[in-house]
N, C-alpha and C. Protein backbone atom coordinates (compact mmCIF):
# COMPACT_ATOMS: atom_id res chain seq x y z
N MET A 1 9.11 28.21 38.76
CA MET A 1 8.63 26.86 38.51
C MET A 1 9.15 26.38 37.16
N LYS A 2 9.71 25.19 37.14
CA LYS A 2 10.25 24.68 35.90
C LYS A 2 9.14 24.24 34.96
N LYS A 3 9.42 24.37 33.68
CA LYS A 3 8.45 23.97 32.67
C LYS A 3 8.39 22.45 32.56
N SER A 4 7.23 21.97 32.20
CA SER A 4 7.08 20.54 31.94
C SER A 4 7.83 20.20 30.66
N LEU A 5 8.44 19.04 30.65
CA LEU A 5 9.21 18.62 29.49
C LEU A 5 8.68 17.29 28.99
N MET A 6 8.30 17.25 27.74
CA MET A 6 7.84 16.01 27.13
C MET A 6 8.75 15.68 25.97
N VAL A 7 9.30 14.50 25.97
CA VAL A 7 10.18 14.07 24.89
C VAL A 7 9.47 12.99 24.09
N LEU A 8 9.26 13.27 22.84
CA LEU A 8 8.61 12.31 21.96
C LEU A 8 9.61 11.76 20.97
N SER A 9 9.54 10.48 20.75
CA SER A 9 10.36 9.86 19.71
C SER A 9 9.44 9.42 18.59
N LEU A 10 9.69 9.93 17.40
CA LEU A 10 8.86 9.59 16.26
C LEU A 10 9.39 8.29 15.66
N LEU A 11 8.76 7.22 16.02
CA LEU A 11 9.21 5.91 15.58
C LEU A 11 8.26 5.37 14.52
N ALA A 12 8.80 4.97 13.39
CA ALA A 12 7.97 4.36 12.35
C ALA A 12 7.66 2.93 12.76
N LEU A 13 6.39 2.67 13.02
CA LEU A 13 5.98 1.32 13.42
C LEU A 13 5.66 0.54 12.16
N THR A 14 6.51 -0.39 11.80
CA THR A 14 6.37 -1.07 10.53
C THR A 14 5.88 -2.49 10.69
N GLY A 15 5.50 -3.10 9.54
CA GLY A 15 4.93 -4.43 9.57
C GLY A 15 5.87 -5.48 10.13
N THR A 16 7.18 -5.33 9.92
CA THR A 16 8.17 -6.19 10.54
C THR A 16 9.21 -5.30 11.18
N ALA A 17 10.01 -5.88 12.05
CA ALA A 17 10.97 -5.07 12.79
C ALA A 17 11.95 -4.36 11.87
N SER A 18 12.25 -4.95 10.68
CA SER A 18 13.25 -4.39 9.80
C SER A 18 12.66 -3.73 8.56
N ALA A 19 11.35 -3.63 8.46
CA ALA A 19 10.71 -3.12 7.25
C ALA A 19 11.08 -1.67 7.00
N GLN A 20 11.52 -1.39 5.78
CA GLN A 20 11.79 -0.03 5.36
C GLN A 20 10.68 0.51 4.48
N LEU A 21 10.10 -0.39 3.69
CA LEU A 21 9.03 -0.03 2.77
C LEU A 21 7.78 -0.85 3.10
N VAL A 22 6.63 -0.25 2.96
CA VAL A 22 5.37 -0.96 3.19
C VAL A 22 4.37 -0.60 2.10
N ILE A 23 3.47 -1.52 1.81
CA ILE A 23 2.40 -1.28 0.84
C ILE A 23 1.26 -0.56 1.56
N THR A 24 0.86 0.59 1.04
CA THR A 24 -0.13 1.40 1.74
C THR A 24 -1.44 1.62 0.99
N GLU A 25 -1.47 1.39 -0.33
CA GLU A 25 -2.71 1.61 -1.07
C GLU A 25 -2.72 0.75 -2.33
N VAL A 26 -3.86 0.09 -2.59
CA VAL A 26 -4.00 -0.76 -3.77
C VAL A 26 -5.34 -0.43 -4.43
N TYR A 27 -5.29 -0.03 -5.71
CA TYR A 27 -6.48 0.38 -6.45
C TYR A 27 -6.80 -0.65 -7.52
N GLU A 28 -8.02 -1.17 -7.50
CA GLU A 28 -8.47 -2.16 -8.48
C GLU A 28 -9.61 -1.56 -9.29
N ALA A 29 -9.38 -1.32 -10.56
CA ALA A 29 -10.31 -0.58 -11.40
C ALA A 29 -11.65 -1.28 -11.60
N ASN A 30 -12.68 -0.45 -11.75
CA ASN A 30 -13.99 -0.95 -12.16
C ASN A 30 -14.01 -1.13 -13.67
N GLY A 31 -13.24 -0.33 -14.38
CA GLY A 31 -13.18 -0.43 -15.83
C GLY A 31 -11.79 -0.05 -16.32
N ALA A 32 -11.46 -0.44 -17.54
CA ALA A 32 -10.17 -0.17 -18.16
C ALA A 32 -9.03 -0.71 -17.31
N ASN A 33 -7.87 -0.09 -17.39
CA ASN A 33 -6.71 -0.58 -16.65
C ASN A 33 -6.16 0.47 -15.71
N LEU A 34 -7.05 1.19 -15.03
CA LEU A 34 -6.63 2.10 -13.98
C LEU A 34 -6.38 1.25 -12.74
N LYS A 35 -5.14 0.81 -12.59
CA LYS A 35 -4.74 -0.04 -11.46
C LYS A 35 -3.39 0.46 -10.98
N TYR A 36 -3.24 0.54 -9.67
CA TYR A 36 -1.94 0.94 -9.14
C TYR A 36 -1.73 0.38 -7.74
N LEU A 37 -0.47 0.44 -7.32
CA LEU A 37 -0.07 0.02 -5.99
C LEU A 37 0.85 1.11 -5.43
N GLU A 38 0.63 1.49 -4.18
CA GLU A 38 1.42 2.55 -3.55
C GLU A 38 2.29 1.96 -2.44
N ILE A 39 3.54 2.44 -2.38
CA ILE A 39 4.50 2.00 -1.36
C ILE A 39 4.94 3.21 -0.56
N HIS A 40 5.14 3.02 0.74
CA HIS A 40 5.58 4.11 1.62
C HIS A 40 6.96 3.82 2.21
N ASN A 41 7.84 4.82 2.15
CA ASN A 41 9.16 4.73 2.77
C ASN A 41 9.02 5.17 4.23
N THR A 42 9.22 4.27 5.16
CA THR A 42 9.02 4.57 6.58
C THR A 42 10.25 5.20 7.23
N THR A 43 11.35 5.32 6.47
CA THR A 43 12.61 5.77 7.06
C THR A 43 12.86 7.25 6.83
N ASN A 44 13.93 7.74 7.44
CA ASN A 44 14.32 9.15 7.30
C ASN A 44 15.36 9.36 6.20
N SER A 45 15.55 8.36 5.35
CA SER A 45 16.49 8.47 4.24
C SER A 45 15.85 7.98 2.96
N ALA A 46 16.29 8.52 1.84
CA ALA A 46 15.81 8.06 0.54
C ALA A 46 16.24 6.62 0.31
N ILE A 47 15.43 5.87 -0.42
CA ILE A 47 15.75 4.48 -0.75
C ILE A 47 15.82 4.33 -2.26
N ASP A 48 16.96 3.86 -2.76
CA ASP A 48 17.14 3.59 -4.18
C ASP A 48 16.59 2.21 -4.47
N LEU A 49 15.44 2.15 -5.11
CA LEU A 49 14.75 0.88 -5.31
C LEU A 49 15.50 -0.03 -6.28
N GLY A 50 15.99 0.56 -7.38
CA GLY A 50 16.69 -0.24 -8.38
C GLY A 50 17.99 -0.80 -7.84
N ALA A 51 18.81 0.07 -7.25
CA ALA A 51 20.10 -0.37 -6.71
C ALA A 51 19.92 -1.33 -5.55
N GLY A 52 18.80 -1.18 -4.82
CA GLY A 52 18.54 -2.05 -3.68
C GLY A 52 17.90 -3.37 -4.04
N GLY A 53 17.58 -3.56 -5.33
CA GLY A 53 17.01 -4.84 -5.76
C GLY A 53 15.59 -5.08 -5.28
N TRP A 54 14.84 -4.01 -4.99
CA TRP A 54 13.47 -4.17 -4.52
C TRP A 54 12.56 -4.61 -5.65
N LYS A 55 11.56 -5.41 -5.32
CA LYS A 55 10.61 -5.88 -6.33
C LYS A 55 9.27 -6.19 -5.70
N ILE A 56 8.27 -6.23 -6.56
CA ILE A 56 6.92 -6.66 -6.19
C ILE A 56 6.67 -8.02 -6.84
N THR A 57 6.13 -8.96 -6.08
CA THR A 57 5.72 -10.24 -6.65
C THR A 57 4.20 -10.29 -6.63
N ARG A 58 3.61 -10.48 -7.82
CA ARG A 58 2.15 -10.52 -7.93
C ARG A 58 1.69 -11.96 -8.15
N TYR A 59 0.68 -12.35 -7.37
CA TYR A 59 0.03 -13.65 -7.53
C TYR A 59 -1.36 -13.38 -8.08
N THR A 60 -1.57 -13.74 -9.35
CA THR A 60 -2.80 -13.35 -10.03
C THR A 60 -3.78 -14.51 -10.18
N ASN A 61 -5.07 -14.16 -10.13
CA ASN A 61 -6.15 -15.13 -10.34
C ASN A 61 -5.97 -16.38 -9.50
N ALA A 62 -5.62 -16.17 -8.23
CA ALA A 62 -5.48 -17.24 -7.24
C ALA A 62 -4.33 -18.19 -7.54
N SER A 63 -3.40 -17.78 -8.40
CA SER A 63 -2.24 -18.63 -8.67
C SER A 63 -1.30 -18.62 -7.47
N SER A 64 -0.61 -19.73 -7.27
CA SER A 64 0.40 -19.80 -6.22
C SER A 64 1.80 -19.55 -6.77
N THR A 65 1.87 -19.25 -8.09
CA THR A 65 3.13 -18.91 -8.74
C THR A 65 3.17 -17.42 -9.00
N GLY A 66 4.20 -16.75 -8.51
CA GLY A 66 4.25 -15.30 -8.60
C GLY A 66 4.98 -14.78 -9.83
N THR A 67 4.68 -13.52 -10.20
CA THR A 67 5.36 -12.79 -11.27
C THR A 67 6.10 -11.63 -10.64
N ASP A 68 7.41 -11.56 -10.85
CA ASP A 68 8.22 -10.50 -10.25
C ASP A 68 8.18 -9.23 -11.09
N ILE A 69 8.08 -8.10 -10.41
CA ILE A 69 8.07 -6.78 -11.04
C ILE A 69 9.18 -5.97 -10.39
N GLY A 70 10.27 -5.75 -11.11
CA GLY A 70 11.38 -5.00 -10.55
C GLY A 70 11.03 -3.53 -10.39
N LEU A 71 11.41 -2.92 -9.27
CA LEU A 71 11.13 -1.52 -9.02
C LEU A 71 12.32 -0.66 -9.43
N THR A 72 12.04 0.53 -9.96
CA THR A 72 13.07 1.43 -10.45
C THR A 72 12.98 2.77 -9.75
N GLY A 73 14.00 3.60 -9.92
CA GLY A 73 13.97 4.92 -9.32
C GLY A 73 14.19 4.87 -7.82
N SER A 74 13.79 5.93 -7.14
CA SER A 74 13.97 6.00 -5.70
C SER A 74 12.75 6.62 -5.05
N VAL A 75 12.63 6.42 -3.75
CA VAL A 75 11.53 7.02 -2.99
C VAL A 75 12.15 7.82 -1.85
N ALA A 76 11.75 9.08 -1.75
CA ALA A 76 12.34 9.97 -0.76
C ALA A 76 11.94 9.57 0.66
N ALA A 77 12.67 10.10 1.63
CA ALA A 77 12.37 9.82 3.04
C ALA A 77 10.93 10.17 3.37
N ARG A 78 10.23 9.25 4.02
CA ARG A 78 8.84 9.42 4.45
C ARG A 78 7.88 9.71 3.31
N ASP A 79 8.29 9.39 2.09
CA ASP A 79 7.47 9.71 0.93
C ASP A 79 6.78 8.46 0.40
N TYR A 80 6.00 8.65 -0.66
CA TYR A 80 5.20 7.58 -1.26
C TYR A 80 5.61 7.37 -2.70
N TYR A 81 5.49 6.14 -3.17
CA TYR A 81 5.92 5.73 -4.51
C TYR A 81 4.76 4.95 -5.13
N VAL A 82 4.37 5.33 -6.34
CA VAL A 82 3.22 4.70 -6.99
C VAL A 82 3.66 4.00 -8.26
N ILE A 83 3.29 2.72 -8.39
CA ILE A 83 3.52 1.97 -9.61
C ILE A 83 2.17 1.62 -10.20
N ALA A 84 1.92 2.07 -11.44
CA ALA A 84 0.62 1.92 -12.08
C ALA A 84 0.74 1.11 -13.37
N ASN A 85 -0.41 0.67 -13.87
CA ASN A 85 -0.43 -0.15 -15.08
C ASN A 85 0.01 0.63 -16.31
N ASN A 86 -0.54 1.84 -16.52
CA ASN A 86 -0.20 2.61 -17.73
C ASN A 86 -0.49 4.09 -17.52
N ALA A 87 0.15 4.92 -18.33
CA ALA A 87 0.04 6.37 -18.18
C ALA A 87 -1.30 6.92 -18.66
N THR A 88 -1.88 6.30 -19.68
CA THR A 88 -3.14 6.82 -20.23
C THR A 88 -4.25 6.78 -19.21
N ASP A 89 -4.45 5.64 -18.58
CA ASP A 89 -5.52 5.51 -17.59
C ASP A 89 -5.21 6.29 -16.32
N PHE A 90 -3.95 6.24 -15.86
CA PHE A 90 -3.60 6.89 -14.60
C PHE A 90 -3.48 8.40 -14.75
N ASN A 91 -2.69 8.86 -15.70
CA ASN A 91 -2.40 10.29 -15.83
C ASN A 91 -3.40 11.00 -16.74
N THR A 92 -3.43 10.65 -18.01
CA THR A 92 -4.21 11.38 -19.01
C THR A 92 -5.70 11.39 -18.69
N ASN A 93 -6.26 10.23 -18.33
CA ASN A 93 -7.71 10.14 -18.15
C ASN A 93 -8.19 10.33 -16.72
N THR A 94 -7.28 10.38 -15.73
CA THR A 94 -7.76 10.38 -14.35
C THR A 94 -7.09 11.42 -13.46
N PHE A 95 -5.86 11.18 -13.03
CA PHE A 95 -5.27 11.99 -11.97
C PHE A 95 -4.51 13.22 -12.45
N GLY A 96 -4.05 13.23 -13.69
CA GLY A 96 -3.39 14.41 -14.23
C GLY A 96 -1.94 14.56 -13.81
N PHE A 97 -1.34 13.53 -13.26
CA PHE A 97 0.09 13.53 -12.96
C PHE A 97 0.61 12.11 -13.13
N ASP A 98 1.91 11.98 -13.32
CA ASP A 98 2.47 10.66 -13.59
C ASP A 98 2.71 9.86 -12.32
N ALA A 99 2.53 8.55 -12.42
CA ALA A 99 2.98 7.65 -11.38
C ALA A 99 4.50 7.60 -11.42
N ASP A 100 5.11 7.06 -10.39
CA ASP A 100 6.57 6.96 -10.34
C ASP A 100 7.10 5.89 -11.29
N GLN A 101 6.28 4.90 -11.57
CA GLN A 101 6.68 3.83 -12.47
C GLN A 101 5.43 3.23 -13.11
N TYR A 102 5.57 2.80 -14.36
CA TYR A 102 4.49 2.10 -15.05
C TYR A 102 4.96 0.70 -15.41
N ASN A 103 4.07 -0.28 -15.23
CA ASN A 103 4.41 -1.65 -15.56
C ASN A 103 3.12 -2.40 -15.88
N GLY A 104 3.07 -3.02 -17.05
CA GLY A 104 1.86 -3.71 -17.50
C GLY A 104 1.50 -4.92 -16.67
N ASN A 105 2.39 -5.36 -15.77
CA ASN A 105 2.07 -6.50 -14.90
C ASN A 105 1.28 -6.08 -13.66
N ILE A 106 1.04 -4.78 -13.50
CA ILE A 106 0.14 -4.34 -12.43
C ILE A 106 -1.28 -4.48 -12.98
N THR A 107 -1.80 -5.69 -12.91
CA THR A 107 -3.09 -6.01 -13.55
C THR A 107 -4.02 -6.76 -12.61
N HIS A 108 -3.97 -6.47 -11.32
CA HIS A 108 -4.79 -7.18 -10.35
C HIS A 108 -6.28 -6.97 -10.63
N THR A 109 -7.07 -8.01 -10.31
CA THR A 109 -8.49 -8.00 -10.64
C THR A 109 -9.41 -8.30 -9.47
N GLY A 110 -8.93 -8.29 -8.26
CA GLY A 110 -9.81 -8.53 -7.13
C GLY A 110 -9.55 -9.82 -6.39
N ASP A 111 -8.80 -10.74 -7.03
CA ASP A 111 -8.41 -11.96 -6.32
C ASP A 111 -6.90 -12.13 -6.40
N ASP A 112 -6.20 -11.01 -6.52
CA ASP A 112 -4.74 -11.01 -6.65
C ASP A 112 -4.09 -10.52 -5.37
N GLU A 113 -2.87 -10.99 -5.14
CA GLU A 113 -2.11 -10.61 -3.95
C GLU A 113 -0.75 -10.07 -4.38
N TYR A 114 -0.16 -9.24 -3.51
CA TYR A 114 1.17 -8.69 -3.78
C TYR A 114 2.09 -8.93 -2.58
N GLU A 115 3.34 -9.22 -2.88
CA GLU A 115 4.38 -9.28 -1.85
C GLU A 115 5.48 -8.30 -2.22
N LEU A 116 5.98 -7.56 -1.26
CA LEU A 116 7.10 -6.65 -1.44
C LEU A 116 8.36 -7.34 -0.95
N ARG A 117 9.35 -7.50 -1.84
CA ARG A 117 10.54 -8.27 -1.52
C ARG A 117 11.81 -7.43 -1.67
N ASP A 118 12.81 -7.72 -0.85
CA ASP A 118 14.08 -7.02 -0.96
C ASP A 118 15.05 -7.82 -1.83
N SER A 119 16.31 -7.38 -1.90
CA SER A 119 17.30 -8.01 -2.77
C SER A 119 17.62 -9.45 -2.37
N MET A 120 17.33 -9.81 -1.13
CA MET A 120 17.56 -11.17 -0.65
C MET A 120 16.34 -12.06 -0.89
N ASP A 121 15.34 -11.52 -1.59
CA ASP A 121 14.09 -12.22 -1.88
C ASP A 121 13.28 -12.49 -0.62
N THR A 122 13.52 -11.69 0.41
CA THR A 122 12.77 -11.79 1.65
C THR A 122 11.49 -10.98 1.55
N VAL A 123 10.37 -11.56 1.95
CA VAL A 123 9.11 -10.82 1.94
C VAL A 123 9.12 -9.81 3.08
N ILE A 124 9.11 -8.53 2.74
CA ILE A 124 9.15 -7.45 3.72
C ILE A 124 7.75 -7.02 4.12
N ASP A 125 6.83 -7.02 3.15
CA ASP A 125 5.45 -6.63 3.42
C ASP A 125 4.57 -7.26 2.36
N ALA A 126 3.25 -7.16 2.52
CA ALA A 126 2.35 -7.80 1.57
C ALA A 126 0.98 -7.15 1.55
N PHE A 127 0.27 -7.37 0.47
CA PHE A 127 -1.14 -7.05 0.37
C PHE A 127 -1.89 -8.36 0.24
N ALA A 128 -2.57 -8.77 1.32
CA ALA A 128 -3.45 -9.94 1.31
C ALA A 128 -2.75 -11.23 0.89
N ALA A 129 -1.52 -11.46 1.37
CA ALA A 129 -0.82 -12.69 1.02
C ALA A 129 -1.52 -13.93 1.56
N ASP A 130 -2.41 -13.76 2.53
CA ASP A 130 -3.16 -14.90 3.05
C ASP A 130 -4.20 -15.40 2.04
N HIS A 131 -4.34 -14.71 0.90
CA HIS A 131 -5.29 -15.14 -0.12
C HIS A 131 -4.64 -15.82 -1.31
N ILE A 132 -3.34 -16.07 -1.26
CA ILE A 132 -2.68 -16.79 -2.34
C ILE A 132 -3.34 -18.17 -2.48
N GLY A 133 -3.83 -18.46 -3.69
CA GLY A 133 -4.51 -19.72 -3.94
C GLY A 133 -6.02 -19.66 -3.75
N ASN A 134 -6.55 -18.50 -3.35
CA ASN A 134 -7.99 -18.35 -3.13
C ASN A 134 -8.62 -17.72 -4.37
N THR A 135 -9.68 -18.31 -4.90
CA THR A 135 -10.29 -17.83 -6.13
C THR A 135 -11.34 -16.74 -5.90
N THR A 136 -11.63 -16.40 -4.66
CA THR A 136 -12.67 -15.42 -4.36
C THR A 136 -12.22 -14.00 -4.69
N ASP A 137 -13.11 -13.20 -5.30
CA ASP A 137 -12.82 -11.78 -5.53
C ASP A 137 -13.03 -11.03 -4.23
N PHE A 138 -11.98 -10.91 -3.44
CA PHE A 138 -12.10 -10.32 -2.12
C PHE A 138 -11.90 -8.80 -2.11
N SER A 139 -11.38 -8.25 -3.22
CA SER A 139 -11.11 -6.81 -3.23
C SER A 139 -11.39 -6.16 -4.58
N ASP A 140 -12.32 -6.75 -5.36
CA ASP A 140 -12.60 -6.19 -6.67
C ASP A 140 -13.36 -4.87 -6.56
N GLU A 141 -13.05 -3.96 -7.49
CA GLU A 141 -13.72 -2.66 -7.59
C GLU A 141 -13.62 -1.85 -6.30
N THR A 142 -12.44 -1.87 -5.71
CA THR A 142 -12.21 -1.10 -4.49
C THR A 142 -10.82 -0.47 -4.52
N VAL A 143 -10.65 0.55 -3.69
CA VAL A 143 -9.31 1.01 -3.35
C VAL A 143 -9.12 0.67 -1.88
N ALA A 144 -8.03 -0.04 -1.58
CA ALA A 144 -7.75 -0.49 -0.22
C ALA A 144 -6.66 0.36 0.39
N PHE A 145 -6.92 0.93 1.56
CA PHE A 145 -5.97 1.76 2.28
C PHE A 145 -5.44 1.00 3.49
N ARG A 146 -4.13 1.01 3.69
CA ARG A 146 -3.53 0.35 4.84
C ARG A 146 -3.82 1.15 6.10
N LEU A 147 -4.29 0.48 7.13
CA LEU A 147 -4.50 1.12 8.42
C LEU A 147 -3.18 1.08 9.19
N LEU A 148 -2.37 2.10 8.99
CA LEU A 148 -1.06 2.12 9.62
C LEU A 148 -1.15 2.22 11.13
N SER A 149 -2.28 2.68 11.63
CA SER A 149 -2.47 2.72 13.08
C SER A 149 -2.60 1.33 13.67
N ALA A 150 -2.82 0.32 12.82
CA ALA A 150 -2.96 -1.07 13.29
C ALA A 150 -1.63 -1.81 13.27
N TYR A 151 -0.56 -1.12 12.93
CA TYR A 151 0.76 -1.76 12.92
C TYR A 151 1.17 -2.23 14.31
N PRO A 152 2.07 -3.20 14.39
CA PRO A 152 2.64 -3.95 13.26
C PRO A 152 1.70 -5.04 12.77
N ASN A 153 1.72 -5.26 11.47
CA ASN A 153 0.92 -6.35 10.89
C ASN A 153 1.54 -6.78 9.57
N ASN A 154 1.06 -7.91 9.06
CA ASN A 154 1.65 -8.50 7.86
C ASN A 154 0.85 -8.20 6.59
N GLY A 155 -0.18 -7.38 6.68
CA GLY A 155 -0.95 -7.02 5.50
C GLY A 155 -1.98 -8.04 5.08
N ASP A 156 -2.26 -9.05 5.92
CA ASP A 156 -3.28 -10.05 5.59
C ASP A 156 -4.65 -9.39 5.46
N TRP A 157 -5.54 -10.06 4.73
CA TRP A 157 -6.89 -9.55 4.50
C TRP A 157 -7.87 -10.04 5.57
N GLY A 158 -7.73 -11.31 5.96
CA GLY A 158 -8.57 -11.81 7.04
C GLY A 158 -9.56 -12.87 6.65
N ASP A 159 -10.32 -12.65 5.59
CA ASP A 159 -11.23 -13.67 5.08
C ASP A 159 -11.56 -13.35 3.63
N SER A 160 -12.52 -14.07 3.04
CA SER A 160 -12.83 -13.92 1.62
C SER A 160 -13.97 -12.96 1.34
N VAL A 161 -14.49 -12.32 2.36
CA VAL A 161 -15.63 -11.42 2.19
C VAL A 161 -15.14 -10.02 1.84
N LYS A 162 -15.73 -9.43 0.79
CA LYS A 162 -15.40 -8.04 0.46
C LYS A 162 -16.14 -7.13 1.43
N PRO A 163 -15.44 -6.24 2.11
CA PRO A 163 -16.09 -5.37 3.10
C PRO A 163 -17.10 -4.43 2.46
N ALA A 164 -18.02 -3.96 3.27
CA ALA A 164 -18.94 -2.93 2.83
C ALA A 164 -18.16 -1.64 2.58
N ASP A 165 -18.75 -0.73 1.83
CA ASP A 165 -18.08 0.53 1.52
C ASP A 165 -17.67 1.26 2.79
N ASN A 166 -16.42 1.69 2.84
CA ASN A 166 -15.84 2.42 3.97
C ASN A 166 -15.73 1.56 5.23
N ALA A 167 -15.74 0.24 5.06
CA ALA A 167 -15.54 -0.67 6.18
C ALA A 167 -14.15 -1.28 6.09
N THR A 168 -13.75 -1.98 7.12
CA THR A 168 -12.43 -2.61 7.12
C THR A 168 -12.51 -4.08 6.75
N SER A 169 -11.39 -4.61 6.26
CA SER A 169 -11.30 -6.05 6.02
C SER A 169 -11.35 -6.76 7.36
N ALA A 170 -11.58 -8.07 7.32
CA ALA A 170 -11.74 -8.82 8.56
C ALA A 170 -10.51 -8.75 9.45
N SER A 171 -9.33 -8.60 8.83
CA SER A 171 -8.10 -8.52 9.61
C SER A 171 -8.00 -7.21 10.38
N GLY A 172 -8.72 -6.19 9.89
CA GLY A 172 -8.61 -4.87 10.49
C GLY A 172 -7.38 -4.11 10.02
N PHE A 173 -6.72 -4.62 8.99
CA PHE A 173 -5.50 -3.99 8.49
C PHE A 173 -5.74 -3.08 7.30
N TRP A 174 -6.92 -3.18 6.66
CA TRP A 174 -7.23 -2.40 5.46
C TRP A 174 -8.63 -1.81 5.56
N ARG A 175 -8.80 -0.60 5.04
CA ARG A 175 -10.12 0.00 4.89
C ARG A 175 -10.36 0.21 3.40
N VAL A 176 -11.59 -0.03 2.94
CA VAL A 176 -11.87 0.03 1.51
C VAL A 176 -12.89 1.11 1.16
N ARG A 177 -12.76 1.61 -0.05
CA ARG A 177 -13.77 2.47 -0.66
C ARG A 177 -14.14 1.84 -2.00
N HIS A 178 -15.42 1.77 -2.29
CA HIS A 178 -15.86 1.15 -3.53
C HIS A 178 -15.75 2.13 -4.69
N ILE A 179 -15.54 1.58 -5.88
CA ILE A 179 -15.33 2.37 -7.09
C ILE A 179 -16.56 2.20 -7.98
N THR A 180 -17.10 3.33 -8.46
CA THR A 180 -18.29 3.28 -9.30
C THR A 180 -17.94 3.00 -10.75
N ALA A 181 -18.94 2.86 -11.59
CA ALA A 181 -18.73 2.47 -12.98
C ALA A 181 -17.73 3.37 -13.69
N SER A 182 -16.86 2.75 -14.47
CA SER A 182 -15.88 3.44 -15.32
C SER A 182 -14.98 4.38 -14.53
N ASN A 183 -14.72 4.05 -13.28
CA ASN A 183 -13.80 4.83 -12.44
C ASN A 183 -14.25 6.27 -12.23
N ALA A 184 -15.55 6.51 -12.30
CA ALA A 184 -16.05 7.88 -12.25
C ALA A 184 -15.67 8.61 -10.97
N ASN A 185 -15.48 7.90 -9.87
CA ASN A 185 -15.16 8.56 -8.61
C ASN A 185 -13.72 8.33 -8.16
N ALA A 186 -12.85 7.98 -9.10
CA ALA A 186 -11.46 7.66 -8.75
C ALA A 186 -10.78 8.79 -8.00
N THR A 187 -10.96 10.02 -8.46
CA THR A 187 -10.25 11.14 -7.83
C THR A 187 -10.84 11.52 -6.48
N THR A 188 -12.01 11.01 -6.14
CA THR A 188 -12.62 11.34 -4.85
C THR A 188 -12.38 10.25 -3.80
N VAL A 189 -12.06 9.04 -4.24
CA VAL A 189 -11.85 7.95 -3.27
C VAL A 189 -10.40 7.53 -3.14
N ALA A 190 -9.57 7.88 -4.10
CA ALA A 190 -8.18 7.42 -4.11
C ALA A 190 -7.21 8.55 -3.80
N THR A 191 -6.07 8.20 -3.20
CA THR A 191 -5.05 9.21 -2.87
C THR A 191 -3.66 8.71 -3.23
N PRO A 192 -3.41 8.41 -4.51
CA PRO A 192 -2.09 7.88 -4.89
C PRO A 192 -0.98 8.90 -4.63
N GLY A 193 0.06 8.45 -3.95
CA GLY A 193 1.21 9.31 -3.71
C GLY A 193 1.05 10.33 -2.61
N ALA A 194 0.00 10.19 -1.80
CA ALA A 194 -0.23 11.16 -0.73
C ALA A 194 -0.81 10.46 0.49
N LYS A 195 -0.42 10.91 1.68
CA LYS A 195 -0.98 10.33 2.90
C LYS A 195 -2.37 10.90 3.15
N GLY A 196 -3.10 10.26 4.04
CA GLY A 196 -4.40 10.79 4.44
C GLY A 196 -5.58 10.17 3.73
N GLY A 197 -5.45 8.91 3.26
CA GLY A 197 -6.56 8.25 2.60
C GLY A 197 -7.60 7.78 3.59
N ALA A 198 -8.55 7.00 3.10
CA ALA A 198 -9.64 6.53 3.94
C ALA A 198 -9.14 5.69 5.10
N GLY A 199 -7.95 5.15 4.94
CA GLY A 199 -7.42 4.29 5.99
C GLY A 199 -6.64 5.04 7.05
N GLY A 200 -6.63 6.36 7.01
CA GLY A 200 -5.83 7.10 7.97
C GLY A 200 -4.35 6.84 7.70
N ASP A 201 -3.93 7.11 6.46
CA ASP A 201 -2.61 6.74 5.97
C ASP A 201 -1.54 7.62 6.61
N GLU A 202 -1.30 7.41 7.88
CA GLU A 202 -0.39 8.25 8.64
C GLU A 202 0.38 7.39 9.62
N LEU A 203 1.71 7.49 9.63
CA LEU A 203 2.48 6.72 10.59
C LEU A 203 2.21 7.23 12.00
N PRO A 204 1.99 6.32 12.95
CA PRO A 204 1.70 6.73 14.32
C PRO A 204 2.94 7.21 15.05
N VAL A 205 2.74 7.83 16.19
CA VAL A 205 3.82 8.32 17.03
C VAL A 205 3.84 7.51 18.32
N GLU A 206 5.01 7.09 18.73
CA GLU A 206 5.14 6.32 19.97
C GLU A 206 5.77 7.20 21.04
N LEU A 207 5.20 7.23 22.23
CA LEU A 207 5.75 8.00 23.34
C LEU A 207 6.97 7.26 23.90
N GLN A 208 8.14 7.89 23.73
CA GLN A 208 9.37 7.27 24.19
C GLN A 208 9.62 7.54 25.66
N SER A 209 9.44 8.82 26.11
CA SER A 209 9.63 9.13 27.52
C SER A 209 8.87 10.38 27.87
N PHE A 210 8.58 10.51 29.15
CA PHE A 210 7.83 11.67 29.62
C PHE A 210 8.30 12.02 31.04
N SER A 211 8.58 13.29 31.26
CA SER A 211 9.02 13.69 32.59
C SER A 211 8.53 15.08 32.91
N VAL A 212 8.25 15.34 34.14
CA VAL A 212 7.80 16.65 34.62
C VAL A 212 8.71 17.07 35.76
N GLU A 213 9.24 18.28 35.67
CA GLU A 213 10.10 18.79 36.74
C GLU A 213 9.54 20.08 37.32
C-alpha cells in the first residue's frame, strides 16, 4: 500500500500582495521613553533596509503630517527587527539586549500611527493608519501584537475604543496587553524581536495541495 503524500507550501500571507515587511508589535510606554516598533521580514531572504530605502512615517498627536524615520541595517529572512526610542530605557533598564536601531522619533503616545514605506514611498503596511487625524488615545499604555492569522489586512485599528486587556481591537487585526505603572511588567507582556506574542505572532501556513495514493 502506498503511503499518503501531503504537500504543503509555506506561503507568507502578507498585508498586501507584494509586502515583504510588516509591522508586528508596537509598545507604548506607561512611563519614561520605553517605546518601540517591531517589523517582520516575511520572505526567505535578508532585506537590506538602508540600501532598499525603507522608512517608517509617524503621524503623532493626531497630526495628518508625517515624520519620516529612515531604517538602517538589515533584517534576516523570517526574522524580526526592532526600532526603539533609546538604549537606556530599552536595554539598560528593561530587556537587557539592544534593539536593532534607536531613533528619538519613536515617541508614540497612544494616538499616533505608523506607516511602513518602501523606496518608492509606497505604503506597504501600517499600524492604525485609519486613525490619522483622530485625537483619541486608542492605544495608550499597551503593547499591540499583530494578529498574523487575520491576514491579509492593512493594519487598521477599527475604532477609537481602547480594547480591554488581552482583547482585540475592533478591526480584529491587533491584540493588546496593558502596561502597568513605570513599565513594571514590560518583560512579561512584550516580546520585542521574537515571535509568539499575545497576538499569536506566527505566519500561517496555506495548504497548497493534497493527494492520497
